[in-house]
Amino acid sequence: MAEVQAVTDDNFKSEVLESSTPVLVDFWATWCAPCKQMSEILSGLIGDFKDKVKIVKLNVDENNNTATQYGVTAIPTLVLFKDGNEAERMVGVVTKDKLEEKLNAAV
């Protein structure tokens, strides 16, 4: 399984909002058990969507400004950005099949 790239408050704009491809952002924290489960699912999808969708994670404890800006109040929260705008939001653990469906619709 591939490692999901981490983004921060400092590089969120360049890595997510200015990306030429859709970006799925996993808002998570180290203490969140469902986030660990979601991380495994996302790691398994990276290869399938290489060059089509960028998959990244943002630690809400370390990057509270971005989490607050996007109204993330529960984790895990997955937000799909397309052309710099929020296109889809999913809260809680999402199945691999449902994620694949959402990502395929975005490309």
PDB file of N, CA and C in Angstrom:
ATOM      1  N   MET A   1       0.831  -1.186   0.000  1.00  0.00           N
ATOM      2  CA  MET A   1       0.000   0.000   0.000  1.00  0.00           C
ATOM      3  C   MET A   1       0.873   1.246   0.000  1.00  0.00           C
ATOM      4  N   ALA A   2       0.442   2.232  -0.756  1.00  0.00           N
ATOM      5  CA  ALA A   2       1.183   3.492  -0.842  1.00  0.00           C
ATOM      6  C   ALA A   2       0.846   4.387   0.341  1.00  0.00           C
ATOM      7  N   GLU A   3       1.753   5.285   0.628  1.00  0.00           N
ATOM      8  CA  GLU A   3       1.563   6.231   1.726  1.00  0.00           C
ATOM      9  C   GLU A   3       0.806   7.449   1.215  1.00  0.00           C
ATOM     10  N   VAL A   4      -0.192   7.882   1.970  1.00  0.00           N
ATOM     11  CA  VAL A   4      -0.962   9.070   1.619  1.00  0.00           C
ATOM     12  C   VAL A   4      -0.139  10.297   1.991  1.00  0.00           C
ATOM     13  N   GLN A   5       0.000  11.221   1.052  1.00  0.00           N
ATOM     14  CA  GLN A   5       0.775  12.444   1.264  1.00  0.00           C
ATOM     15  C   GLN A   5       0.078  13.344   2.287  1.00  0.00           C
ATOM     16  N   ALA A   6       0.862  13.927   3.182  1.00  0.00           N
ATOM     17  CA  ALA A   6       0.323  14.860   4.173  1.00  0.00           C
ATOM     18  C   ALA A   6       0.385  16.287   3.634  1.00  0.00           C
ATOM     19  N   VAL A   7      -0.670  17.059   3.910  1.00  0.00           N
ATOM     20  CA  VAL A   7      -0.669  18.485   3.601  1.00  0.00           C
ATOM     21  C   VAL A   7      -0.853  19.252   4.905  1.00  0.00           C
ATOM     22  N   THR A   8      -0.510  20.536   4.880  1.00  0.00           N
ATOM     23  CA  THR A   8      -0.564  21.378   6.069  1.00  0.00           C
ATOM     24  C   THR A   8      -1.302  22.673   5.753  1.00  0.00           C
ATOM     25  N   ASP A   9      -1.522  23.475   6.798  1.00  0.00           N
ATOM     26  CA  ASP A   9      -2.087  24.804   6.579  1.00  0.00           C
ATOM     27  C   ASP A   9      -1.247  25.581   5.571  1.00  0.00           C
ATOM     28  N   ASP A  10       0.071  25.423   5.657  1.00  0.00           N
ATOM     29  CA  ASP A  10       0.990  26.200   4.826  1.00  0.00           C
ATOM     30  C   ASP A  10       0.956  25.824   3.343  1.00  0.00           C
ATOM     31  N   ASN A  11       0.765  24.537   3.037  1.00  0.00           N
ATOM     32  CA  ASN A  11       0.803  24.152   1.618  1.00  0.00           C
ATOM     33  C   ASN A  11      -0.561  23.715   1.069  1.00  0.00           C
ATOM     34  N   PHE A  12      -1.634  23.897   1.831  1.00  0.00           N
ATOM     35  CA  PHE A  12      -2.966  23.473   1.400  1.00  0.00           C
ATOM     36  C   PHE A  12      -3.366  24.137   0.080  1.00  0.00           C
ATOM     37  N   LYS A  13      -3.121  25.430  -0.023  1.00  0.00           N
ATOM     38  CA  LYS A  13      -3.507  26.159  -1.235  1.00  0.00           C
ATOM     39  C   LYS A  13      -2.796  25.601  -2.460  1.00  0.00           C
ATOM     40  N   SER A  14      -1.472  25.434  -2.380  1.00  0.00           N
ATOM     41  CA  SER A  14      -0.716  24.970  -3.546  1.00  0.00           C
ATOM     42  C   SER A  14      -0.980  23.502  -3.866  1.00  0.00           C
ATOM     43  N   GLU A  15      -1.115  22.665  -2.837  1.00  0.00           N
ATOM     44  CA  GLU A  15      -1.289  21.224  -3.061  1.00  0.00           C
ATOM     45  C   GLU A  15      -2.726  20.816  -3.390  1.00  0.00           C
ATOM     46  N   VAL A  16      -3.700  21.564  -2.865  1.00  0.00           N
ATOM     47  CA  VAL A  16      -5.104  21.177  -3.029  1.00  0.00           C
ATOM     48  C   VAL A  16      -5.862  22.142  -3.939  1.00  0.00           C
ATOM     49  N   LEU A  17      -5.933  23.388  -3.533  1.00  0.00           N
ATOM     50  CA  LEU A  17      -6.767  24.348  -4.261  1.00  0.00           C
ATOM     51  C   LEU A  17      -6.243  24.660  -5.659  1.00  0.00           C
ATOM     52  N   GLU A  18      -4.923  24.622  -5.847  1.00  0.00           N
ATOM     53  CA  GLU A  18      -4.337  24.947  -7.146  1.00  0.00           C
ATOM     54  C   GLU A  18      -3.979  23.698  -7.959  1.00  0.00           C
ATOM     55  N   SER A  19      -4.400  22.528  -7.514  1.00  0.00           N
ATOM     56  CA  SER A  19      -4.084  21.283  -8.213  1.00  0.00           C
ATOM     57  C   SER A  19      -4.845  21.207  -9.546  1.00  0.00           C
ATOM     58  N   SER A  20      -4.166  20.681 -10.558  1.00  0.00           N
ATOM     59  CA  SER A  20      -4.805  20.522 -11.869  1.00  0.00           C
ATOM     60  C   SER A  20      -5.700  19.287 -11.919  1.00  0.00           C
ATOM     61  N   THR A  21      -5.557  18.406 -10.932  1.00  0.00           N
ATOM     62  CA  THR A  21      -6.411  17.221 -10.847  1.00  0.00           C
ATOM     63  C   THR A  21      -7.269  17.314  -9.586  1.00  0.00           C
ATOM     64  N   PRO A  22      -8.377  16.592  -9.524  1.00  0.00           N
ATOM     65  CA  PRO A  22      -9.174  16.577  -8.289  1.00  0.00           C
ATOM     66  C   PRO A  22      -8.327  16.072  -7.116  1.00  0.00           C
ATOM     67  N   VAL A  23      -8.639  16.564  -5.925  1.00  0.00           N
ATOM     68  CA  VAL A  23      -7.899  16.183  -4.718  1.00  0.00           C
ATOM     69  C   VAL A  23      -8.881  15.735  -3.649  1.00  0.00           C
ATOM     70  N   LEU A  24      -8.656  14.549  -3.095  1.00  0.00           N
ATOM     71  CA  LEU A  24      -9.449  14.056  -1.964  1.00  0.00           C
ATOM     72  C   LEU A  24      -8.633  14.304  -0.703  1.00  0.00           C
ATOM     73  N   VAL A  25      -9.196  15.118   0.211  1.00  0.00           N
ATOM     74  CA  VAL A  25      -8.514  15.451   1.460  1.00  0.00           C
ATOM     75  C   VAL A  25      -9.164  14.675   2.599  1.00  0.00           C
ATOM     76  N   ASP A  26      -8.334  13.936   3.326  1.00  0.00           N
ATOM     77  CA  ASP A  26      -8.769  13.195   4.510  1.00  0.00           C
ATOM     78  C   ASP A  26      -8.405  14.038   5.729  1.00  0.00           C
ATOM     79  N   PHE A  27      -9.413  14.631   6.377  1.00  0.00           N
ATOM     80  CA  PHE A  27      -9.204  15.370   7.621  1.00  0.00           C
ATOM     81  C   PHE A  27      -9.222  14.333   8.741  1.00  0.00           C
ATOM     82  N   TRP A  28      -8.133  14.243   9.507  1.00  0.00           N
ATOM     83  CA  TRP A  28      -7.956  13.154  10.474  1.00  0.00           C
ATOM     84  C   TRP A  28      -7.168  13.633  11.689  1.00  0.00           C
ATOM     85  N   ALA A  29      -7.002  12.719  12.674  1.00  0.00           N
ATOM     86  CA  ALA A  29      -6.147  12.952  13.845  1.00  0.00           C
ATOM     87  C   ALA A  29      -5.574  11.614  14.296  1.00  0.00           C
ATOM     88  N   THR A  30      -4.426  11.663  14.974  1.00  0.00           N
ATOM     89  CA  THR A  30      -3.741  10.433  15.382  1.00  0.00           C
ATOM     90  C   THR A  30      -4.537   9.609  16.381  1.00  0.00           C
ATOM     91  N   TRP A  31      -5.354  10.268  17.216  1.00  0.00           N
ATOM     92  CA  TRP A  31      -6.098   9.577  18.273  1.00  0.00           C
ATOM     93  C   TRP A  31      -7.422   8.980  17.784  1.00  0.00           C
ATOM     94  N   CYS A  32      -7.770   9.201  16.536  1.00  0.00           N
ATOM     95  CA  CYS A  32      -9.076   8.808  15.987  1.00  0.00           C
ATOM     96  C   CYS A  32      -9.015   7.403  15.382  1.00  0.00           C
ATOM     97  N   ALA A  33      -9.649   6.422  16.044  1.00  0.00           N
ATOM     98  CA  ALA A  33      -9.639   5.039  15.561  1.00  0.00           C
ATOM     99  C   ALA A  33     -10.290   4.895  14.175  1.00  0.00           C
ATOM    100  N   PRO A  34     -11.457   5.495  13.917  1.00  0.00           N
ATOM    101  CA  PRO A  34     -12.033   5.385  12.575  1.00  0.00           C
ATOM    102  C   PRO A  34     -11.137   6.007  11.497  1.00  0.00           C
ATOM    103  N   CYS A  35     -10.333   7.001  11.884  1.00  0.00           N
ATOM    104  CA  CYS A  35      -9.406   7.622  10.927  1.00  0.00           C
ATOM    105  C   CYS A  35      -8.348   6.626  10.468  1.00  0.00           C
ATOM    106  N   LYS A  36      -7.904   5.770  11.378  1.00  0.00           N
ATOM    107  CA  LYS A  36      -6.912   4.746  11.023  1.00  0.00           C
ATOM    108  C   LYS A  36      -7.501   3.769  10.005  1.00  0.00           C
ATOM    109  N   GLN A  37      -8.749   3.393  10.204  1.00  0.00           N
ATOM    110  CA  GLN A  37      -9.440   2.504   9.274  1.00  0.00           C
ATOM    111  C   GLN A  37      -9.562   3.176   7.900  1.00  0.00           C
ATOM    112  N   MET A  38      -9.920   4.460   7.902  1.00  0.00           N
ATOM    113  CA  MET A  38     -10.069   5.211   6.656  1.00  0.00           C
ATOM    114  C   MET A  38      -8.727   5.338   5.941  1.00  0.00           C
ATOM    115  N   SER A  39      -7.661   5.507   6.701  1.00  0.00           N
ATOM    116  CA  SER A  39      -6.325   5.639   6.130  1.00  0.00           C
ATOM    117  C   SER A  39      -5.930   4.388   5.345  1.00  0.00           C
ATOM    118  N   GLU A  40      -6.261   3.222   5.878  1.00  0.00           N
ATOM    119  CA  GLU A  40      -5.971   1.964   5.180  1.00  0.00           C
ATOM    120  C   GLU A  40      -6.735   1.878   3.866  1.00  0.00           C
ATOM    121  N   ILE A  41      -7.986   2.281   3.881  1.00  0.00           N
ATOM    122  CA  ILE A  41      -8.806   2.255   2.664  1.00  0.00           C
ATOM    123  C   ILE A  41      -8.210   3.207   1.618  1.00  0.00           C
ATOM    124  N   LEU A  42      -7.831   4.407   2.049  1.00  0.00           N
ATOM    125  CA  LEU A  42      -7.268   5.394   1.119  1.00  0.00           C
ATOM    126  C   LEU A  42      -5.936   4.927   0.546  1.00  0.00           C
ATOM    127  N   SER A  43      -5.104   4.321   1.380  1.00  0.00           N
ATOM    128  CA  SER A  43      -3.817   3.814   0.901  1.00  0.00           C
ATOM    129  C   SER A  43      -4.013   2.786  -0.205  1.00  0.00           C
ATOM    130  N   GLY A  44      -5.068   2.005  -0.081  1.00  0.00           N
ATOM    131  CA  GLY A  44      -5.370   1.000  -1.087  1.00  0.00           C
ATOM    132  C   GLY A  44      -5.894   1.574  -2.393  1.00  0.00           C
ATOM    133  N   LEU A  45      -6.327   2.826  -2.383  1.00  0.00           N
ATOM    134  CA  LEU A  45      -6.882   3.455  -3.586  1.00  0.00           C
ATOM    135  C   LEU A  45      -5.862   4.281  -4.362  1.00  0.00           C
ATOM    136  N   ILE A  46      -4.754   4.630  -3.730  1.00  0.00           N
ATOM    137  CA  ILE A  46      -3.794   5.535  -4.371  1.00  0.00           C
ATOM    138  C   ILE A  46      -3.359   5.027  -5.738  1.00  0.00           C
ATOM    139  N   GLY A  47      -2.983   3.757  -5.825  1.00  0.00           N
ATOM    140  CA  GLY A  47      -2.526   3.202  -7.094  1.00  0.00           C
ATOM    141  C   GLY A  47      -3.591   3.207  -8.172  1.00  0.00           C
ATOM    142  N   ASP A  48      -4.833   2.949  -7.781  1.00  0.00           N
ATOM    143  CA  ASP A  48      -5.931   2.900  -8.750  1.00  0.00           C
ATOM    144  C   ASP A  48      -6.226   4.257  -9.372  1.00  0.00           C
ATOM    145  N   PHE A  49      -5.932   5.336  -8.648  1.00  0.00           N
ATOM    146  CA  PHE A  49      -6.285   6.676  -9.123  1.00  0.00           C
ATOM    147  C   PHE A  49      -5.065   7.542  -9.412  1.00  0.00           C
ATOM    148  N   LYS A  50      -3.893   6.899  -9.504  1.00  0.00           N
ATOM    149  CA  LYS A  50      -2.652   7.631  -9.793  1.00  0.00           C
ATOM    150  C   LYS A  50      -2.830   8.456 -11.063  1.00  0.00           C
ATOM    151  N   ASP A  51      -2.411   9.695 -11.012  1.00  0.00           N
ATOM    152  CA  ASP A  51      -2.501  10.653 -12.126  1.00  0.00           C
ATOM    153  C   ASP A  51      -3.926  11.104 -12.439  1.00  0.00           C
ATOM    154  N   LYS A  52      -4.932  10.591 -11.719  1.00  0.00           N
ATOM    155  CA  LYS A  52      -6.314  11.019 -11.950  1.00  0.00           C
ATOM    156  C   LYS A  52      -6.851  11.819 -10.775  1.00  0.00           C
ATOM    157  N   VAL A  53      -6.566  11.350  -9.553  1.00  0.00           N
ATOM    158  CA  VAL A  53      -7.006  12.021  -8.331  1.00  0.00           C
ATOM    159  C   VAL A  53      -5.858  11.970  -7.332  1.00  0.00           C
ATOM    160  N   LYS A  54      -5.544  13.119  -6.743  1.00  0.00           N
ATOM    161  CA  LYS A  54      -4.531  13.162  -5.692  1.00  0.00           C
ATOM    162  C   LYS A  54      -5.241  12.890  -4.366  1.00  0.00           C
ATOM    163  N   ILE A  55      -4.682  12.011  -3.549  1.00  0.00           N
ATOM    164  CA  ILE A  55      -5.255  11.699  -2.242  1.00  0.00           C
ATOM    165  C   ILE A  55      -4.269  12.167  -1.172  1.00  0.00           C
ATOM    166  N   VAL A  56      -4.739  13.064  -0.288  1.00  0.00           N
ATOM    167  CA  VAL A  56      -3.879  13.637   0.746  1.00  0.00           C
ATOM    168  C   VAL A  56      -4.592  13.595   2.089  1.00  0.00           C
ATOM    169  N   LYS A  57      -3.818  13.814   3.167  1.00  0.00           N
ATOM    170  CA  LYS A  57      -4.412  13.851   4.502  1.00  0.00           C
ATOM    171  C   LYS A  57      -3.954  15.113   5.216  1.00  0.00           C
ATOM    172  N   LEU A  58      -4.833  15.637   6.075  1.00  0.00           N
ATOM    173  CA  LEU A  58      -4.529  16.825   6.851  1.00  0.00           C
ATOM    174  C   LEU A  58      -4.869  16.547   8.312  1.00  0.00           C
ATOM    175  N   ASN A  59      -3.847  16.604   9.168  1.00  0.00           N
ATOM    176  CA  ASN A  59      -4.024  16.361  10.600  1.00  0.00           C
ATOM    177  C   ASN A  59      -4.690  17.594  11.215  1.00  0.00           C
ATOM    178  N   VAL A  60      -5.918  17.428  11.712  1.00  0.00           N
ATOM    179  CA  VAL A  60      -6.684  18.577  12.222  1.00  0.00           C
ATOM    180  C   VAL A  60      -6.105  19.148  13.507  1.00  0.00           C
ATOM    181  N   ASP A  61      -5.397  18.341  14.281  1.00  0.00           N
ATOM    182  CA  ASP A  61      -4.777  18.838  15.513  1.00  0.00           C
ATOM    183  C   ASP A  61      -3.595  19.746  15.212  1.00  0.00           C
ATOM    184  N   GLU A  62      -2.876  19.452  14.151  1.00  0.00           N
ATOM    185  CA  GLU A  62      -1.693  20.233  13.789  1.00  0.00           C
ATOM    186  C   GLU A  62      -1.988  21.347  12.796  1.00  0.00           C
ATOM    187  N   ASN A  63      -3.148  21.291  12.141  1.00  0.00           N
ATOM    188  CA  ASN A  63      -3.507  22.247  11.078  1.00  0.00           C
ATOM    189  C   ASN A  63      -4.941  22.718  11.255  1.00  0.00           C
ATOM    190  N   ASN A  64      -5.185  23.316  12.394  1.00  0.00           N
ATOM    191  CA  ASN A  64      -6.539  23.702  12.766  1.00  0.00           C
ATOM    192  C   ASN A  64      -7.116  24.811  11.895  1.00  0.00           C
ATOM    193  N   ASN A  65      -6.280  25.667  11.336  1.00  0.00           N
ATOM    194  CA  ASN A  65      -6.796  26.776  10.519  1.00  0.00           C
ATOM    195  C   ASN A  65      -7.574  26.271   9.312  1.00  0.00           C
ATOM    196  N   THR A  66      -7.014  25.309   8.596  1.00  0.00           N
ATOM    197  CA  THR A  66      -7.685  24.780   7.407  1.00  0.00           C
ATOM    198  C   THR A  66      -8.934  23.996   7.793  1.00  0.00           C
ATOM    199  N   ALA A  67      -8.831  23.194   8.836  1.00  0.00           N
ATOM    200  CA  ALA A  67     -10.001  22.423   9.293  1.00  0.00           C
ATOM    201  C   ALA A  67     -11.141  23.357   9.683  1.00  0.00           C
ATOM    202  N   THR A  68     -10.819  24.431  10.372  1.00  0.00           N
ATOM    203  CA  THR A  68     -11.839  25.408  10.777  1.00  0.00           C
ATOM    204  C   THR A  68     -12.411  26.121   9.556  1.00  0.00           C
ATOM    205  N   GLN A  69     -11.553  26.513   8.646  1.00  0.00           N
ATOM    206  CA  GLN A  69     -11.992  27.221   7.439  1.00  0.00           C
ATOM    207  C   GLN A  69     -13.016  26.411   6.654  1.00  0.00           C
ATOM    208  N   TYR A  70     -12.858  25.090   6.626  1.00  0.00           N
ATOM    209  CA  TYR A  70     -13.765  24.237   5.876  1.00  0.00           C
ATOM    210  C   TYR A  70     -14.849  23.596   6.753  1.00  0.00           C
ATOM    211  N   GLY A  71     -14.982  24.069   7.981  1.00  0.00           N
ATOM    212  CA  GLY A  71     -16.082  23.633   8.841  1.00  0.00           C
ATOM    213  C   GLY A  71     -16.030  22.169   9.221  1.00  0.00           C
ATOM    214  N   VAL A  72     -14.838  21.621   9.376  1.00  0.00           N
ATOM    215  CA  VAL A  72     -14.699  20.217   9.757  1.00  0.00           C
ATOM    216  C   VAL A  72     -14.898  20.109  11.273  1.00  0.00           C
ATOM    217  N   THR A  73     -15.999  19.485  11.670  1.00  0.00           N
ATOM    218  CA  THR A  73     -16.324  19.360  13.091  1.00  0.00           C
ATOM    219  C   THR A  73     -16.320  17.914  13.569  1.00  0.00           C
ATOM    220  N   ALA A  74     -16.216  16.976  12.639  1.00  0.00           N
ATOM    221  CA  ALA A  74     -16.158  15.552  12.982  1.00  0.00           C
ATOM    222  C   ALA A  74     -15.119  14.905  12.074  1.00  0.00           C
ATOM    223  N   ILE A  75     -14.444  13.899  12.608  1.00  0.00           N
ATOM    224  CA  ILE A  75     -13.454  13.195  11.796  1.00  0.00           C
ATOM    225  C   ILE A  75     -13.688  11.690  11.887  1.00  0.00           C
ATOM    226  N   PRO A  76     -13.335  10.944  10.856  1.00  0.00           N
ATOM    227  CA  PRO A  76     -12.771  11.437   9.614  1.00  0.00           C
ATOM    228  C   PRO A  76     -13.812  12.162   8.758  1.00  0.00           C
ATOM    229  N   THR A  77     -13.353  13.209   8.087  1.00  0.00           N
ATOM    230  CA  THR A  77     -14.141  13.894   7.068  1.00  0.00           C
ATOM    231  C   THR A  77     -13.316  13.868   5.799  1.00  0.00           C
ATOM    232  N   LEU A  78     -13.940  13.445   4.716  1.00  0.00           N
ATOM    233  CA  LEU A  78     -13.292  13.423   3.414  1.00  0.00           C
ATOM    234  C   LEU A  78     -13.930  14.500   2.552  1.00  0.00           C
ATOM    235  N   VAL A  79     -13.106  15.380   1.985  1.00  0.00           N
ATOM    236  CA  VAL A  79     -13.615  16.435   1.119  1.00  0.00           C
ATOM    237  C   VAL A  79     -12.906  16.316  -0.219  1.00  0.00           C
ATOM    238  N   LEU A  80     -13.696  16.232  -1.272  1.00  0.00           N
ATOM    239  CA  LEU A  80     -13.177  16.154  -2.629  1.00  0.00           C
ATOM    240  C   LEU A  80     -13.205  17.554  -3.229  1.00  0.00           C
ATOM    241  N   PHE A  81     -12.039  18.037  -3.623  1.00  0.00           N
ATOM    242  CA  PHE A  81     -11.921  19.350  -4.251  1.00  0.00           C
ATOM    243  C   PHE A  81     -11.678  19.164  -5.741  1.00  0.00           C
ATOM    244  N   LYS A  82     -12.384  19.946  -6.530  1.00  0.00           N
ATOM    245  CA  LYS A  82     -12.210  19.925  -7.978  1.00  0.00           C
ATOM    246  C   LYS A  82     -12.137  21.370  -8.445  1.00  0.00           C
ATOM    247  N   ASP A  83     -11.081  21.705  -9.170  1.00  0.00           N
ATOM    248  CA  ASP A  83     -10.852  23.080  -9.630  1.00  0.00           C
ATOM    249  C   ASP A  83     -10.856  24.070  -8.472  1.00  0.00           C
ATOM    250  N   GLY A  84     -10.320  23.650  -7.330  1.00  0.00           N
ATOM    251  CA  GLY A  84     -10.195  24.534  -6.184  1.00  0.00           C
ATOM    252  C   GLY A  84     -11.451  24.704  -5.344  1.00  0.00           C
ATOM    253  N   ASN A  85     -12.512  24.012  -5.700  1.00  0.00           N
ATOM    254  CA  ASN A  85     -13.779  24.130  -4.973  1.00  0.00           C
ATOM    255  C   ASN A  85     -14.210  22.787  -4.401  1.00  0.00           C
ATOM    256  N   GLU A  86     -14.924  22.842  -3.282  1.00  0.00           N
ATOM    257  CA  GLU A  86     -15.445  21.617  -2.685  1.00  0.00           C
ATOM    258  C   GLU A  86     -16.521  21.033  -3.591  1.00  0.00           C
ATOM    259  N   ALA A  87     -16.336  19.767  -3.984  1.00  0.00           N
ATOM    260  CA  ALA A  87     -17.291  19.100  -4.867  1.00  0.00           C
ATOM    261  C   ALA A  87     -18.104  18.041  -4.137  1.00  0.00           C
ATOM    262  N   GLU A  88     -17.538  17.501  -3.060  1.00  0.00           N
ATOM    263  CA  GLU A  88     -18.194  16.401  -2.332  1.00  0.00           C
ATOM    264  C   GLU A  88     -17.646  16.348  -0.917  1.00  0.00           C
ATOM    265  N   ARG A  89     -18.510  15.994   0.048  1.00  0.00           N
ATOM    266  CA  ARG A  89     -18.079  15.838   1.441  1.00  0.00           C
ATOM    267  C   ARG A  89     -18.685  14.568   1.999  1.00  0.00           C
ATOM    268  N   MET A  90     -17.843  13.773   2.667  1.00  0.00           N
ATOM    269  CA  MET A  90     -18.293  12.537   3.296  1.00  0.00           C
ATOM    270  C   MET A  90     -17.749  12.518   4.721  1.00  0.00           C
ATOM    271  N   VAL A  91     -18.614  12.253   5.689  1.00  0.00           N
ATOM    272  CA  VAL A  91     -18.210  12.248   7.092  1.00  0.00           C
ATOM    273  C   VAL A  91     -18.336  10.831   7.627  1.00  0.00           C
ATOM    274  N   GLY A  92     -17.301  10.394   8.359  1.00  0.00           N
ATOM    275  CA  GLY A  92     -17.281   9.035   8.895  1.00  0.00           C
ATOM    276  C   GLY A  92     -16.546   8.097   7.962  1.00  0.00           C
ATOM    277  N   VAL A  93     -16.504   6.849   8.334  1.00  0.00           N
ATOM    278  CA  VAL A  93     -15.823   5.845   7.511  1.00  0.00           C
ATOM    279  C   VAL A  93     -16.676   5.571   6.274  1.00  0.00           C
ATOM    280  N   VAL A  94     -16.023   5.604   5.124  1.00  0.00           N
ATOM    281  CA  VAL A  94     -16.683   5.373   3.843  1.00  0.00           C
ATOM    282  C   VAL A  94     -16.080   4.104   3.243  1.00  0.00           C
ATOM    283  N   THR A  95     -16.913   3.260   2.680  1.00  0.00           N
ATOM    284  CA  THR A  95     -16.414   2.015   2.104  1.00  0.00           C
ATOM    285  C   THR A  95     -15.557   2.286   0.865  1.00  0.00           C
ATOM    286  N   LYS A  96     -14.682   1.348   0.563  1.00  0.00           N
ATOM    287  CA  LYS A  96     -13.830   1.472  -0.618  1.00  0.00           C
ATOM    288  C   LYS A  96     -14.682   1.586  -1.877  1.00  0.00           C
ATOM    289  N   ASP A  97     -15.742   0.799  -1.970  1.00  0.00           N
ATOM    290  CA  ASP A  97     -16.610   0.838  -3.151  1.00  0.00           C
ATOM    291  C   ASP A  97     -17.253   2.207  -3.332  1.00  0.00           C
ATOM    292  N   LYS A  98     -17.747   2.782  -2.244  1.00  0.00           N
ATOM    293  CA  LYS A  98     -18.395   4.097  -2.339  1.00  0.00           C
ATOM    294  C   LYS A  98     -17.371   5.172  -2.722  1.00  0.00           C
ATOM    295  N   LEU A  99     -16.175   5.084  -2.149  1.00  0.00           N
ATOM    296  CA  LEU A  99     -15.125   6.047  -2.499  1.00  0.00           C
ATOM    297  C   LEU A  99     -14.742   5.930  -3.967  1.00  0.00           C
ATOM    298  N   GLU A 100     -14.594   4.714  -4.445  1.00  0.00           N
ATOM    299  CA  GLU A 100     -14.265   4.508  -5.856  1.00  0.00           C
ATOM    300  C   GLU A 100     -15.334   5.127  -6.747  1.00  0.00           C
ATOM    301  N   GLU A 101     -16.574   4.947  -6.377  1.00  0.00           N
ATOM    302  CA  GLU A 101     -17.692   5.511  -7.140  1.00  0.00           C
ATOM    303  C   GLU A 101     -17.604   7.045  -7.189  1.00  0.00           C
ATOM    304  N   LYS A 102     -17.349   7.660  -6.039  1.00  0.00           N
ATOM    305  CA  LYS A 102     -17.253   9.122  -5.961  1.00  0.00           C
ATOM    306  C   LYS A 102     -16.047   9.643  -6.734  1.00  0.00           C
ATOM    307  N   LEU A 103     -14.912   8.956  -6.616  1.00  0.00           N
ATOM    308  CA  LEU A 103     -13.705   9.402  -7.314  1.00  0.00           C
ATOM    309  C   LEU A 103     -13.827   9.212  -8.821  1.00  0.00           C
ATOM    310  N   ASN A 104     -14.411   8.111  -9.244  1.00  0.00           N
ATOM    311  CA  ASN A 104     -14.622   7.902 -10.692  1.00  0.00           C
ATOM    312  C   ASN A 104     -15.543   8.958 -11.275  1.00  0.00           C
ATOM    313  N   ALA A 105     -16.521   9.398 -10.516  1.00  0.00           N
ATOM    314  CA  ALA A 105     -17.442  10.439 -10.981  1.00  0.00           C
ATOM    315  C   ALA A 105     -16.744  11.787 -11.101  1.00  0.00           C
ATOM    316  N   ALA A 106     -15.662  11.979 -10.351  1.00  0.00           N
ATOM    317  CA  ALA A 106     -14.963  13.267 -10.331  1.00  0.00           C
ATOM    318  C   ALA A 106     -13.961  13.415 -11.488  1.00  0.00           C
ATOM    319  N   VAL A 107     -13.565  12.296 -12.079  1.00  0.00           N
ATOM    320  CA  VAL A 107     -12.528  12.378 -13.137  1.00  0.00           C
ATOM    321  C   VAL A 107     -13.123  12.349 -14.533  1.00  0.00           C
TER     322      VAL A 107
END
